[in-house]
Amino acid sequence: MVAPSVPAHSSFETDARPLPALLTGHELTDARIIKMDVEGGEAAAITGLASHLHRLHPAAELAIEVSPRLLRKQGHSVDGVLQPLLARGFHPYLLANDYRARGYPGVLQRPRPPVRLHRP
């Protein structure tokens, strides 16, 4: 039996707030790893966090997926979006991911290490 297909929606709207507005002061200052997956809202998310970067734990790590193509479509550049993070000493890395399901078995067997970028 084949399940009926459900049309996919390519966009939606939701309310959003900057990360510091969602966390208590201690949650923000004590966090060691912050992962943001905001599906195209990276520029706004980083902008919302920028003035609070000095409050983060000295060893905090940020995991934020940035798509140069999507940023360009939104009128942003990777350099411009990442500038607040670079100014605070964060370093960008390239994580290999082709987003194809058939690529995952090979990646799991032979994972590629992140590559530190010297320019975004």
PDB file of N, CA and C in Angstrom:
ATOM      1  N   MET A   1       0.846  -1.170   0.000  1.00  0.00           N
ATOM      2  CA  MET A   1       0.000   0.000   0.000  1.00  0.00           C
ATOM      3  C   MET A   1       0.895   1.238   0.000  1.00  0.00           C
ATOM      4  N   VAL A   2       0.566   2.185  -0.828  1.00  0.00           N
ATOM      5  CA  VAL A   2       1.337   3.420  -0.940  1.00  0.00           C
ATOM      6  C   VAL A   2       0.604   4.520  -0.192  1.00  0.00           C
ATOM      7  N   ALA A   3       1.335   5.222   0.656  1.00  0.00           N
ATOM      8  CA  ALA A   3       0.739   6.327   1.414  1.00  0.00           C
ATOM      9  C   ALA A   3       0.422   7.469   0.466  1.00  0.00           C
ATOM     10  N   PRO A   4      -0.687   8.149   0.693  1.00  0.00           N
ATOM     11  CA  PRO A   4      -1.014   9.290  -0.181  1.00  0.00           C
ATOM     12  C   PRO A   4       0.036  10.386  -0.009  1.00  0.00           C
ATOM     13  N   SER A   5       0.327  11.077  -1.108  1.00  0.00           N
ATOM     14  CA  SER A   5       1.315  12.141  -1.031  1.00  0.00           C
ATOM     15  C   SER A   5       0.681  13.381  -0.422  1.00  0.00           C
ATOM     16  N   VAL A   6       1.487  14.079   0.329  1.00  0.00           N
ATOM     17  CA  VAL A   6       1.047  15.313   0.964  1.00  0.00           C
ATOM     18  C   VAL A   6       1.873  16.434   0.362  1.00  0.00           C
ATOM     19  N   PRO A   7       1.223  17.472  -0.127  1.00  0.00           N
ATOM     20  CA  PRO A   7       2.006  18.550  -0.736  1.00  0.00           C
ATOM     21  C   PRO A   7       2.943  19.189   0.289  1.00  0.00           C
ATOM     22  N   ALA A   8       4.153  19.449  -0.127  1.00  0.00           N
ATOM     23  CA  ALA A   8       5.142  20.090   0.741  1.00  0.00           C
ATOM     24  C   ALA A   8       5.008  21.599   0.634  1.00  0.00           C
ATOM     25  N   HIS A   9       5.182  22.260   1.727  1.00  0.00           N
ATOM     26  CA  HIS A   9       5.152  23.712   1.749  1.00  0.00           C
ATOM     27  C   HIS A   9       6.594  24.208   1.766  1.00  0.00           C
ATOM     28  N   SER A  10       6.896  25.157   0.904  1.00  0.00           N
ATOM     29  CA  SER A  10       8.280  25.617   0.787  1.00  0.00           C
ATOM     30  C   SER A  10       8.589  26.785   1.705  1.00  0.00           C
ATOM     31  N   SER A  11       7.582  27.363   2.335  1.00  0.00           N
ATOM     32  CA  SER A  11       7.862  28.461   3.249  1.00  0.00           C
ATOM     33  C   SER A  11       6.779  28.544   4.316  1.00  0.00           C
ATOM     34  N   PHE A  12       7.109  29.213   5.382  1.00  0.00           N
ATOM     35  CA  PHE A  12       6.164  29.439   6.465  1.00  0.00           C
ATOM     36  C   PHE A  12       6.625  30.657   7.236  1.00  0.00           C
ATOM     37  N   GLU A  13       5.769  31.181   8.061  1.00  0.00           N
ATOM     38  CA  GLU A  13       6.113  32.313   8.906  1.00  0.00           C
ATOM     39  C   GLU A  13       5.903  31.921  10.357  1.00  0.00           C
ATOM     40  N   THR A  14       6.778  32.433  11.216  1.00  0.00           N
ATOM     41  CA  THR A  14       6.652  32.179  12.649  1.00  0.00           C
ATOM     42  C   THR A  14       7.230  33.356  13.404  1.00  0.00           C
ATOM     43  N   ASP A  15       6.836  33.491  14.640  1.00  0.00           N
ATOM     44  CA  ASP A  15       7.424  34.521  15.482  1.00  0.00           C
ATOM     45  C   ASP A  15       8.822  34.075  15.882  1.00  0.00           C
ATOM     46  N   ALA A  16       9.699  35.024  16.042  1.00  0.00           N
ATOM     47  CA  ALA A  16      11.065  34.718  16.438  1.00  0.00           C
ATOM     48  C   ALA A  16      11.569  35.788  17.385  1.00  0.00           C
ATOM     49  N   ARG A  17      12.523  35.391  18.204  1.00  0.00           N
ATOM     50  CA  ARG A  17      13.174  36.332  19.107  1.00  0.00           C
ATOM     51  C   ARG A  17      14.654  36.009  19.124  1.00  0.00           C
ATOM     52  N   PRO A  18      15.498  37.006  19.414  1.00  0.00           N
ATOM     53  CA  PRO A  18      16.940  36.738  19.518  1.00  0.00           C
ATOM     54  C   PRO A  18      17.211  35.731  20.636  1.00  0.00           C
ATOM     55  N   LEU A  19      18.242  34.929  20.460  1.00  0.00           N
ATOM     56  CA  LEU A  19      18.591  33.905  21.439  1.00  0.00           C
ATOM     57  C   LEU A  19      18.708  34.470  22.857  1.00  0.00           C
ATOM     58  N   PRO A  20      19.365  35.618  23.062  1.00  0.00           N
ATOM     59  CA  PRO A  20      19.462  36.139  24.429  1.00  0.00           C
ATOM     60  C   PRO A  20      18.107  36.430  25.072  1.00  0.00           C
ATOM     61  N   ALA A  21      17.069  36.645  24.274  1.00  0.00           N
ATOM     62  CA  ALA A  21      15.732  36.871  24.824  1.00  0.00           C
ATOM     63  C   ALA A  21      15.061  35.564  25.219  1.00  0.00           C
ATOM     64  N   LEU A  22      15.578  34.439  24.752  1.00  0.00           N
ATOM     65  CA  LEU A  22      15.002  33.133  25.057  1.00  0.00           C
ATOM     66  C   LEU A  22      15.665  32.455  26.250  1.00  0.00           C
ATOM     67  N   LEU A  23      16.873  32.895  26.587  1.00  0.00           N
ATOM     68  CA  LEU A  23      17.657  32.259  27.649  1.00  0.00           C
ATOM     69  C   LEU A  23      17.761  33.156  28.871  1.00  0.00           C
ATOM     70  N   THR A  24      17.949  32.530  30.033  1.00  0.00           N
ATOM     71  CA  THR A  24      18.263  33.320  31.217  1.00  0.00           C
ATOM     72  C   THR A  24      19.711  33.782  31.100  1.00  0.00           C
ATOM     73  N   GLY A  25      20.088  34.744  31.917  1.00  0.00           N
ATOM     74  CA  GLY A  25      21.470  35.219  31.913  1.00  0.00           C
ATOM     75  C   GLY A  25      22.465  34.105  32.163  1.00  0.00           C
ATOM     76  N   HIS A  26      22.154  33.216  33.120  1.00  0.00           N
ATOM     77  CA  HIS A  26      23.061  32.105  33.427  1.00  0.00           C
ATOM     78  C   HIS A  26      23.127  31.094  32.288  1.00  0.00           C
ATOM     79  N   GLU A  27      22.005  30.838  31.648  1.00  0.00           N
ATOM     80  CA  GLU A  27      22.027  29.905  30.516  1.00  0.00           C
ATOM     81  C   GLU A  27      22.922  30.422  29.409  1.00  0.00           C
ATOM     82  N   LEU A  28      22.864  31.713  29.155  1.00  0.00           N
ATOM     83  CA  LEU A  28      23.696  32.296  28.102  1.00  0.00           C
ATOM     84  C   LEU A  28      25.169  32.286  28.484  1.00  0.00           C
ATOM     85  N   THR A  29      25.485  32.678  29.714  1.00  0.00           N
ATOM     86  CA  THR A  29      26.897  32.767  30.116  1.00  0.00           C
ATOM     87  C   THR A  29      27.520  31.409  30.403  1.00  0.00           C
ATOM     88  N   ASP A  30      26.726  30.407  30.729  1.00  0.00           N
ATOM     89  CA  ASP A  30      27.258  29.081  31.047  1.00  0.00           C
ATOM     90  C   ASP A  30      27.282  28.126  29.860  1.00  0.00           C
ATOM     91  N   ALA A  31      26.608  28.471  28.770  1.00  0.00           N
ATOM     92  CA  ALA A  31      26.523  27.559  27.617  1.00  0.00           C
ATOM     93  C   ALA A  31      27.898  27.300  27.028  1.00  0.00           C
ATOM     94  N   ARG A  32      28.188  26.043  26.744  1.00  0.00           N
ATOM     95  CA  ARG A  32      29.459  25.679  26.110  1.00  0.00           C
ATOM     96  C   ARG A  32      29.287  25.456  24.616  1.00  0.00           C
ATOM     97  N   ILE A  33      28.130  24.966  24.218  1.00  0.00           N
ATOM     98  CA  ILE A  33      27.856  24.743  22.799  1.00  0.00           C
ATOM     99  C   ILE A  33      26.474  25.332  22.497  1.00  0.00           C
ATOM    100  N   ILE A  34      26.432  26.183  21.483  1.00  0.00           N
ATOM    101  CA  ILE A  34      25.170  26.746  21.025  1.00  0.00           C
ATOM    102  C   ILE A  34      25.031  26.377  19.561  1.00  0.00           C
ATOM    103  N   LYS A  35      23.978  25.611  19.247  1.00  0.00           N
ATOM    104  CA  LYS A  35      23.715  25.227  17.866  1.00  0.00           C
ATOM    105  C   LYS A  35      22.454  25.940  17.416  1.00  0.00           C
ATOM    106  N   MET A  36      22.576  26.657  16.318  1.00  0.00           N
ATOM    107  CA  MET A  36      21.413  27.336  15.748  1.00  0.00           C
ATOM    108  C   MET A  36      21.142  26.750  14.372  1.00  0.00           C
ATOM    109  N   ASP A  37      19.938  26.263  14.185  1.00  0.00           N
ATOM    110  CA  ASP A  37      19.503  25.752  12.889  1.00  0.00           C
ATOM    111  C   ASP A  37      18.218  26.502  12.570  1.00  0.00           C
ATOM    112  N   VAL A  38      18.356  27.607  11.855  1.00  0.00           N
ATOM    113  CA  VAL A  38      17.238  28.521  11.681  1.00  0.00           C
ATOM    114  C   VAL A  38      16.782  28.635  10.231  1.00  0.00           C
ATOM    115  N   GLU A  39      17.186  27.686   9.410  1.00  0.00           N
ATOM    116  CA  GLU A  39      16.665  27.539   8.047  1.00  0.00           C
ATOM    117  C   GLU A  39      16.535  28.847   7.285  1.00  0.00           C
ATOM    118  N   GLY A  40      17.653  29.524   7.107  1.00  0.00           N
ATOM    119  CA  GLY A  40      17.665  30.753   6.326  1.00  0.00           C
ATOM    120  C   GLY A  40      17.660  32.016   7.156  1.00  0.00           C
ATOM    121  N   GLY A  41      17.527  31.886   8.461  1.00  0.00           N
ATOM    122  CA  GLY A  41      17.514  33.049   9.330  1.00  0.00           C
ATOM    123  C   GLY A  41      18.837  33.311  10.014  1.00  0.00           C
ATOM    124  N   GLU A  42      19.919  32.768   9.456  1.00  0.00           N
ATOM    125  CA  GLU A  42      21.229  32.880  10.107  1.00  0.00           C
ATOM    126  C   GLU A  42      21.682  34.322  10.279  1.00  0.00           C
ATOM    127  N   ALA A  43      21.481  35.150   9.271  1.00  0.00           N
ATOM    128  CA  ALA A  43      21.919  36.547   9.370  1.00  0.00           C
ATOM    129  C   ALA A  43      21.218  37.233  10.538  1.00  0.00           C
ATOM    130  N   ALA A  44      19.925  37.052  10.659  1.00  0.00           N
ATOM    131  CA  ALA A  44      19.178  37.665  11.756  1.00  0.00           C
ATOM    132  C   ALA A  44      19.577  37.065  13.101  1.00  0.00           C
ATOM    133  N   ALA A  45      19.806  35.751  13.142  1.00  0.00           N
ATOM    134  CA  ALA A  45      20.180  35.098  14.399  1.00  0.00           C
ATOM    135  C   ALA A  45      21.534  35.597  14.892  1.00  0.00           C
ATOM    136  N   ILE A  46      22.491  35.711  13.983  1.00  0.00           N
ATOM    137  CA  ILE A  46      23.818  36.193  14.376  1.00  0.00           C
ATOM    138  C   ILE A  46      23.737  37.661  14.782  1.00  0.00           C
ATOM    139  N   THR A  47      22.967  38.451  14.056  1.00  0.00           N
ATOM    140  CA  THR A  47      22.794  39.864  14.415  1.00  0.00           C
ATOM    141  C   THR A  47      22.189  39.984  15.813  1.00  0.00           C
ATOM    142  N   GLY A  48      21.216  39.141  16.122  1.00  0.00           N
ATOM    143  CA  GLY A  48      20.576  39.170  17.439  1.00  0.00           C
ATOM    144  C   GLY A  48      21.493  38.754  18.562  1.00  0.00           C
ATOM    145  N   LEU A  49      22.490  37.960  18.252  1.00  0.00           N
ATOM    146  CA  LEU A  49      23.434  37.475  19.255  1.00  0.00           C
ATOM    147  C   LEU A  49      24.667  38.370  19.365  1.00  0.00           C
ATOM    148  N   ALA A  50      24.965  39.136  18.327  1.00  0.00           N
ATOM    149  CA  ALA A  50      26.231  39.878  18.226  1.00  0.00           C
ATOM    150  C   ALA A  50      26.538  40.745  19.443  1.00  0.00           C
ATOM    151  N   SER A  51      25.577  41.495  19.925  1.00  0.00           N
ATOM    152  CA  SER A  51      25.859  42.398  21.046  1.00  0.00           C
ATOM    153  C   SER A  51      25.960  41.662  22.383  1.00  0.00           C
ATOM    154  N   HIS A  52      25.753  40.355  22.372  1.00  0.00           N
ATOM    155  CA  HIS A  52      25.850  39.553  23.589  1.00  0.00           C
ATOM    156  C   HIS A  52      27.035  38.590  23.562  1.00  0.00           C
ATOM    157  N   LEU A  53      27.815  38.599  22.495  1.00  0.00           N
ATOM    158  CA  LEU A  53      28.924  37.650  22.371  1.00  0.00           C
ATOM    159  C   LEU A  53      29.914  37.774  23.524  1.00  0.00           C
ATOM    160  N   HIS A  54      30.106  38.982  24.043  1.00  0.00           N
ATOM    161  CA  HIS A  54      31.045  39.184  25.152  1.00  0.00           C
ATOM    162  C   HIS A  54      30.583  38.475  26.425  1.00  0.00           C
ATOM    163  N   ARG A  55      29.312  38.115  26.506  1.00  0.00           N
ATOM    164  CA  ARG A  55      28.767  37.446  27.685  1.00  0.00           C
ATOM    165  C   ARG A  55      28.952  35.925  27.648  1.00  0.00           C
ATOM    166  N   LEU A  56      29.316  35.390  26.490  1.00  0.00           N
ATOM    167  CA  LEU A  56      29.441  33.936  26.363  1.00  0.00           C
ATOM    168  C   LEU A  56      30.632  33.418  27.158  1.00  0.00           C
ATOM    169  N   HIS A  57      30.544  32.178  27.534  1.00  0.00           N
ATOM    170  CA  HIS A  57      31.645  31.477  28.213  1.00  0.00           C
ATOM    171  C   HIS A  57      32.894  31.581  27.342  1.00  0.00           C
ATOM    172  N   PRO A  58      34.074  31.758  27.927  1.00  0.00           N
ATOM    173  CA  PRO A  58      35.294  31.894  27.118  1.00  0.00           C
ATOM    174  C   PRO A  58      35.559  30.708  26.187  1.00  0.00           C
ATOM    175  N   ALA A  59      35.069  29.528  26.552  1.00  0.00           N
ATOM    176  CA  ALA A  59      35.286  28.344  25.711  1.00  0.00           C
ATOM    177  C   ALA A  59      34.040  27.971  24.908  1.00  0.00           C
ATOM    178  N   ALA A  60      33.105  28.898  24.768  1.00  0.00           N
ATOM    179  CA  ALA A  60      31.863  28.593  24.040  1.00  0.00           C
ATOM    180  C   ALA A  60      32.149  28.298  22.575  1.00  0.00           C
ATOM    181  N   GLU A  61      31.401  27.368  22.040  1.00  0.00           N
ATOM    182  CA  GLU A  61      31.465  26.994  20.624  1.00  0.00           C
ATOM    183  C   GLU A  61      30.103  27.279  20.017  1.00  0.00           C
ATOM    184  N   LEU A  62      30.089  27.808  18.803  1.00  0.00           N
ATOM    185  CA  LEU A  62      28.845  28.056  18.087  1.00  0.00           C
ATOM    186  C   LEU A  62      28.811  27.164  16.854  1.00  0.00           C
ATOM    187  N   ALA A  63      27.699  26.514  16.624  1.00  0.00           N
ATOM    188  CA  ALA A  63      27.500  25.722  15.407  1.00  0.00           C
ATOM    189  C   ALA A  63      26.339  26.358  14.653  1.00  0.00           C
ATOM    190  N   ILE A  64      26.679  27.029  13.561  1.00  0.00           N
ATOM    191  CA  ILE A  64      25.674  27.745  12.774  1.00  0.00           C
ATOM    192  C   ILE A  64      25.934  27.430  11.313  1.00  0.00           C
ATOM    193  N   GLU A  65      24.974  26.824  10.667  1.00  0.00           N
ATOM    194  CA  GLU A  65      25.111  26.520   9.245  1.00  0.00           C
ATOM    195  C   GLU A  65      24.863  27.796   8.448  1.00  0.00           C
ATOM    196  N   VAL A  66      25.800  28.115   7.576  1.00  0.00           N
ATOM    197  CA  VAL A  66      25.684  29.321   6.760  1.00  0.00           C
ATOM    198  C   VAL A  66      25.768  28.913   5.294  1.00  0.00           C
ATOM    199  N   SER A  67      24.787  29.320   4.514  1.00  0.00           N
ATOM    200  CA  SER A  67      24.749  29.024   3.083  1.00  0.00           C
ATOM    201  C   SER A  67      25.056  30.291   2.300  1.00  0.00           C
ATOM    202  N   PRO A  68      26.216  30.373   1.655  1.00  0.00           N
ATOM    203  CA  PRO A  68      26.538  31.570   0.876  1.00  0.00           C
ATOM    204  C   PRO A  68      25.473  31.903  -0.170  1.00  0.00           C
ATOM    205  N   ARG A  69      24.946  30.895  -0.846  1.00  0.00           N
ATOM    206  CA  ARG A  69      23.933  31.117  -1.877  1.00  0.00           C
ATOM    207  C   ARG A  69      22.674  31.743  -1.284  1.00  0.00           C
ATOM    208  N   LEU A  70      22.219  31.209  -0.166  1.00  0.00           N
ATOM    209  CA  LEU A  70      21.019  31.731   0.467  1.00  0.00           C
ATOM    210  C   LEU A  70      21.250  33.141   1.011  1.00  0.00           C
ATOM    211  N   LEU A  71      22.418  33.375   1.597  1.00  0.00           N
ATOM    212  CA  LEU A  71      22.712  34.721   2.104  1.00  0.00           C
ATOM    213  C   LEU A  71      22.706  35.743   0.965  1.00  0.00           C
ATOM    214  N   ARG A  72      23.286  35.381  -0.181  1.00  0.00           N
ATOM    215  CA  ARG A  72      23.291  36.297  -1.331  1.00  0.00           C
ATOM    216  C   ARG A  72      21.860  36.619  -1.769  1.00  0.00           C
ATOM    217  N   LYS A  73      20.995  35.605  -1.792  1.00  0.00           N
ATOM    218  CA  LYS A  73      19.602  35.823  -2.180  1.00  0.00           C
ATOM    219  C   LYS A  73      18.905  36.781  -1.217  1.00  0.00           C
ATOM    220  N   GLN A  74      19.359  36.832   0.027  1.00  0.00           N
ATOM    221  CA  GLN A  74      18.777  37.701   1.045  1.00  0.00           C
ATOM    222  C   GLN A  74      19.469  39.067   1.102  1.00  0.00           C
ATOM    223  N   GLY A  75      20.467  39.274   0.233  1.00  0.00           N
ATOM    224  CA  GLY A  75      21.172  40.549   0.217  1.00  0.00           C
ATOM    225  C   GLY A  75      22.305  40.649   1.213  1.00  0.00           C
ATOM    226  N   HIS A  76      22.794  39.509   1.700  1.00  0.00           N
ATOM    227  CA  HIS A  76      23.887  39.481   2.669  1.00  0.00           C
ATOM    228  C   HIS A  76      25.104  38.798   2.056  1.00  0.00           C
ATOM    229  N   SER A  77      26.247  38.996   2.689  1.00  0.00           N
ATOM    230  CA  SER A  77      27.455  38.257   2.309  1.00  0.00           C
ATOM    231  C   SER A  77      27.911  37.433   3.503  1.00  0.00           C
ATOM    232  N   VAL A  78      28.623  36.356   3.235  1.00  0.00           N
ATOM    233  CA  VAL A  78      29.166  35.530   4.318  1.00  0.00           C
ATOM    234  C   VAL A  78      30.095  36.379   5.176  1.00  0.00           C
ATOM    235  N   ASP A  79      30.977  37.151   4.540  1.00  0.00           N
ATOM    236  CA  ASP A  79      31.908  37.996   5.302  1.00  0.00           C
ATOM    237  C   ASP A  79      31.161  38.931   6.238  1.00  0.00           C
ATOM    238  N   GLY A  80      30.136  39.586   5.740  1.00  0.00           N
ATOM    239  CA  GLY A  80      29.386  40.533   6.551  1.00  0.00           C
ATOM    240  C   GLY A  80      28.655  39.881   7.707  1.00  0.00           C
ATOM    241  N   VAL A  81      28.055  38.727   7.450  1.00  0.00           N
ATOM    242  CA  VAL A  81      27.304  38.033   8.493  1.00  0.00           C
ATOM    243  C   VAL A  81      28.231  37.486   9.573  1.00  0.00           C
ATOM    244  N   LEU A  82      29.385  36.969   9.160  1.00  0.00           N
ATOM    245  CA  LEU A  82      30.296  36.362  10.133  1.00  0.00           C
ATOM    246  C   LEU A  82      31.195  37.373  10.844  1.00  0.00           C
ATOM    247  N   GLN A  83      31.233  38.611  10.375  1.00  0.00           N
ATOM    248  CA  GLN A  83      32.148  39.600  10.941  1.00  0.00           C
ATOM    249  C   GLN A  83      32.047  39.738  12.463  1.00  0.00           C
ATOM    250  N   PRO A  84      30.850  39.824  13.050  1.00  0.00           N
ATOM    251  CA  PRO A  84      30.796  39.932  14.514  1.00  0.00           C
ATOM    252  C   PRO A  84      31.424  38.730  15.220  1.00  0.00           C
ATOM    253  N   LEU A  85      31.270  37.551  14.637  1.00  0.00           N
ATOM    254  CA  LEU A  85      31.849  36.343  15.241  1.00  0.00           C
ATOM    255  C   LEU A  85      33.363  36.347  15.097  1.00  0.00           C
ATOM    256  N   LEU A  86      33.852  36.722  13.927  1.00  0.00           N
ATOM    257  CA  LEU A  86      35.292  36.785  13.701  1.00  0.00           C
ATOM    258  C   LEU A  86      35.935  37.818  14.619  1.00  0.00           C
ATOM    259  N   ALA A  87      35.264  38.943  14.813  1.00  0.00           N
ATOM    260  CA  ALA A  87      35.797  40.002  15.672  1.00  0.00           C
ATOM    261  C   ALA A  87      35.923  39.545  17.123  1.00  0.00           C
ATOM    262  N   ARG A  88      35.107  38.582  17.546  1.00  0.00           N
ATOM    263  CA  ARG A  88      35.173  38.053  18.911  1.00  0.00           C
ATOM    264  C   ARG A  88      36.064  36.825  19.010  1.00  0.00           C
ATOM    265  N   GLY A  89      36.767  36.474  17.926  1.00  0.00           N
ATOM    266  CA  GLY A  89      37.729  35.382  17.983  1.00  0.00           C
ATOM    267  C   GLY A  89      37.196  34.022  17.586  1.00  0.00           C
ATOM    268  N   PHE A  90      35.971  33.950  17.088  1.00  0.00           N
ATOM    269  CA  PHE A  90      35.455  32.669  16.608  1.00  0.00           C
ATOM    270  C   PHE A  90      36.066  32.372  15.242  1.00  0.00           C
ATOM    271  N   HIS A  91      36.148  31.090  14.902  1.00  0.00           N
ATOM    272  CA  HIS A  91      36.757  30.662  13.651  1.00  0.00           C
ATOM    273  C   HIS A  91      35.758  29.835  12.845  1.00  0.00           C
ATOM    274  N   PRO A  92      35.615  30.144  11.556  1.00  0.00           N
ATOM    275  CA  PRO A  92      34.700  29.353  10.725  1.00  0.00           C
ATOM    276  C   PRO A  92      35.359  28.057  10.245  1.00  0.00           C
ATOM    277  N   TYR A  93      34.551  27.024  10.113  1.00  0.00           N
ATOM    278  CA  TYR A  93      35.005  25.727   9.621  1.00  0.00           C
ATOM    279  C   TYR A  93      34.078  25.269   8.509  1.00  0.00           C
ATOM    280  N   LEU A  94      34.634  24.540   7.575  1.00  0.00           N
ATOM    281  CA  LEU A  94      33.860  23.905   6.522  1.00  0.00           C
ATOM    282  C   LEU A  94      33.596  22.471   6.943  1.00  0.00           C
ATOM    283  N   LEU A  95      32.322  22.116   7.015  1.00  0.00           N
ATOM    284  CA  LEU A  95      31.925  20.744   7.322  1.00  0.00           C
ATOM    285  C   LEU A  95      31.335  20.152   6.057  1.00  0.00           C
ATOM    286  N   ALA A  96      31.937  19.093   5.582  1.00  0.00           N
ATOM    287  CA  ALA A  96      31.480  18.469   4.336  1.00  0.00           C
ATOM    288  C   ALA A  96      30.105  17.838   4.540  1.00  0.00           C
ATOM    289  N   ASN A  97      29.169  18.190   3.655  1.00  0.00           N
ATOM    290  CA  ASN A  97      27.834  17.607   3.692  1.00  0.00           C
ATOM    291  C   ASN A  97      27.177  17.883   2.348  1.00  0.00           C
ATOM    292  N   ASP A  98      26.890  16.836   1.616  1.00  0.00           N
ATOM    293  CA  ASP A  98      26.260  17.049   0.310  1.00  0.00           C
ATOM    294  C   ASP A  98      24.734  16.953   0.387  1.00  0.00           C
ATOM    295  N   TYR A  99      24.190  16.664   1.561  1.00  0.00           N
ATOM    296  CA  TYR A  99      22.756  16.628   1.816  1.00  0.00           C
ATOM    297  C   TYR A  99      21.997  15.573   1.023  1.00  0.00           C
ATOM    298  N   ARG A 100      22.704  14.645   0.420  1.00  0.00           N
ATOM    299  CA  ARG A 100      22.029  13.565  -0.298  1.00  0.00           C
ATOM    300  C   ARG A 100      22.000  12.331   0.597  1.00  0.00           C
ATOM    301  N   ALA A 101      20.848  11.711   0.706  1.00  0.00           N
ATOM    302  CA  ALA A 101      20.708  10.539   1.579  1.00  0.00           C
ATOM    303  C   ALA A 101      21.707   9.448   1.201  1.00  0.00           C
ATOM    304  N   ARG A 102      21.948   9.265  -0.083  1.00  0.00           N
ATOM    305  CA  ARG A 102      22.866   8.191  -0.499  1.00  0.00           C
ATOM    306  C   ARG A 102      24.314   8.479  -0.112  1.00  0.00           C
ATOM    307  N   GLY A 103      24.630   9.722   0.253  1.00  0.00           N
ATOM    308  CA  GLY A 103      25.989  10.065   0.661  1.00  0.00           C
ATOM    309  C   GLY A 103      26.298   9.746   2.112  1.00  0.00           C
ATOM    310  N   TYR A 104      25.271   9.577   2.945  1.00  0.00           N
ATOM    311  CA  TYR A 104      25.497   9.384   4.374  1.00  0.00           C
ATOM    312  C   TYR A 104      26.224   8.094   4.737  1.00  0.00           C
ATOM    313  N   PRO A 105      25.932   6.939   4.123  1.00  0.00           N
ATOM    314  CA  PRO A 105      26.672   5.732   4.514  1.00  0.00           C
ATOM    315  C   PRO A 105      28.189   5.893   4.358  1.00  0.00           C
ATOM    316  N   GLY A 106      28.633   6.496   3.275  1.00  0.00           N
ATOM    317  CA  GLY A 106      30.067   6.693   3.080  1.00  0.00           C
ATOM    318  C   GLY A 106      30.662   7.645   4.093  1.00  0.00           C
ATOM    319  N   VAL A 107      29.935   8.693   4.415  1.00  0.00           N
ATOM    320  CA  VAL A 107      30.415   9.664   5.402  1.00  0.00           C
ATOM    321  C   VAL A 107      30.516   9.019   6.779  1.00  0.00           C
ATOM    322  N   LEU A 108      29.561   8.164   7.102  1.00  0.00           N
ATOM    323  CA  LEU A 108      29.609   7.488   8.394  1.00  0.00           C
ATOM    324  C   LEU A 108      30.797   6.536   8.483  1.00  0.00           C
ATOM    325  N   GLN A 109      31.152   5.908   7.369  1.00  0.00           N
ATOM    326  CA  GLN A 109      32.283   4.981   7.363  1.00  0.00           C
ATOM    327  C   GLN A 109      33.621   5.713   7.307  1.00  0.00           C
ATOM    328  N   ARG A 110      33.660   6.837   6.595  1.00  0.00           N
ATOM    329  CA  ARG A 110      34.897   7.602   6.445  1.00  0.00           C
ATOM    330  C   ARG A 110      34.604   9.085   6.642  1.00  0.00           C
ATOM    331  N   PRO A 111      34.334   9.479   7.896  1.00  0.00           N
ATOM    332  CA  PRO A 111      34.012  10.890   8.115  1.00  0.00           C
ATOM    333  C   PRO A 111      35.202  11.789   7.801  1.00  0.00           C
ATOM    334  N   ARG A 112      34.905  12.936   7.221  1.00  0.00           N
ATOM    335  CA  ARG A 112      35.947  13.914   6.922  1.00  0.00           C
ATOM    336  C   ARG A 112      35.999  14.939   8.038  1.00  0.00           C
ATOM    337  N   PRO A 113      37.193  15.259   8.507  1.00  0.00           N
ATOM    338  CA  PRO A 113      37.292  16.229   9.599  1.00  0.00           C
ATOM    339  C   PRO A 113      36.933  17.635   9.115  1.00  0.00           C
ATOM    340  N   PRO A 114      36.494  18.492  10.026  1.00  0.00           N
ATOM    341  CA  PRO A 114      36.228  19.886   9.652  1.00  0.00           C
ATOM    342  C   PRO A 114      37.524  20.550   9.188  1.00  0.00           C
ATOM    343  N   VAL A 115      37.376  21.490   8.267  1.00  0.00           N
ATOM    344  CA  VAL A 115      38.527  22.237   7.743  1.00  0.00           C
ATOM    345  C   VAL A 115      38.378  23.684   8.177  1.00  0.00           C
ATOM    346  N   ARG A 116      39.362  24.166   8.934  1.00  0.00           N
ATOM    347  CA  ARG A 116      39.314  25.554   9.395  1.00  0.00           C
ATOM    348  C   ARG A 116      39.561  26.483   8.210  1.00  0.00           C
ATOM    349  N   LEU A 117      38.672  27.446   8.049  1.00  0.00           N
ATOM    350  CA  LEU A 117      38.797  28.422   6.974  1.00  0.00           C
ATOM    351  C   LEU A 117      39.542  29.643   7.492  1.00  0.00           C
ATOM    352  N   HIS A 118      40.378  30.191   6.650  1.00  0.00           N
ATOM    353  CA  HIS A 118      41.084  31.409   7.041  1.00  0.00           C
ATOM    354  C   HIS A 118      40.342  32.643   6.576  1.00  0.00           C
ATOM    355  N   ARG A 119      39.429  32.439   5.659  1.00  0.00           N
ATOM    356  CA  ARG A 119      38.475  33.470   5.246  1.00  0.00           C
ATOM    357  C   ARG A 119      37.139  32.768   5.057  1.00  0.00           C
ATOM    358  N   PRO A 120      36.070  33.438   5.432  1.00  0.00           N
ATOM    359  CA  PRO A 120      34.752  32.788   5.256  1.00  0.00           C
ATOM    360  C   PRO A 120      34.478  32.444   3.795  1.00  0.00           C
TER     361      PRO A 120
END
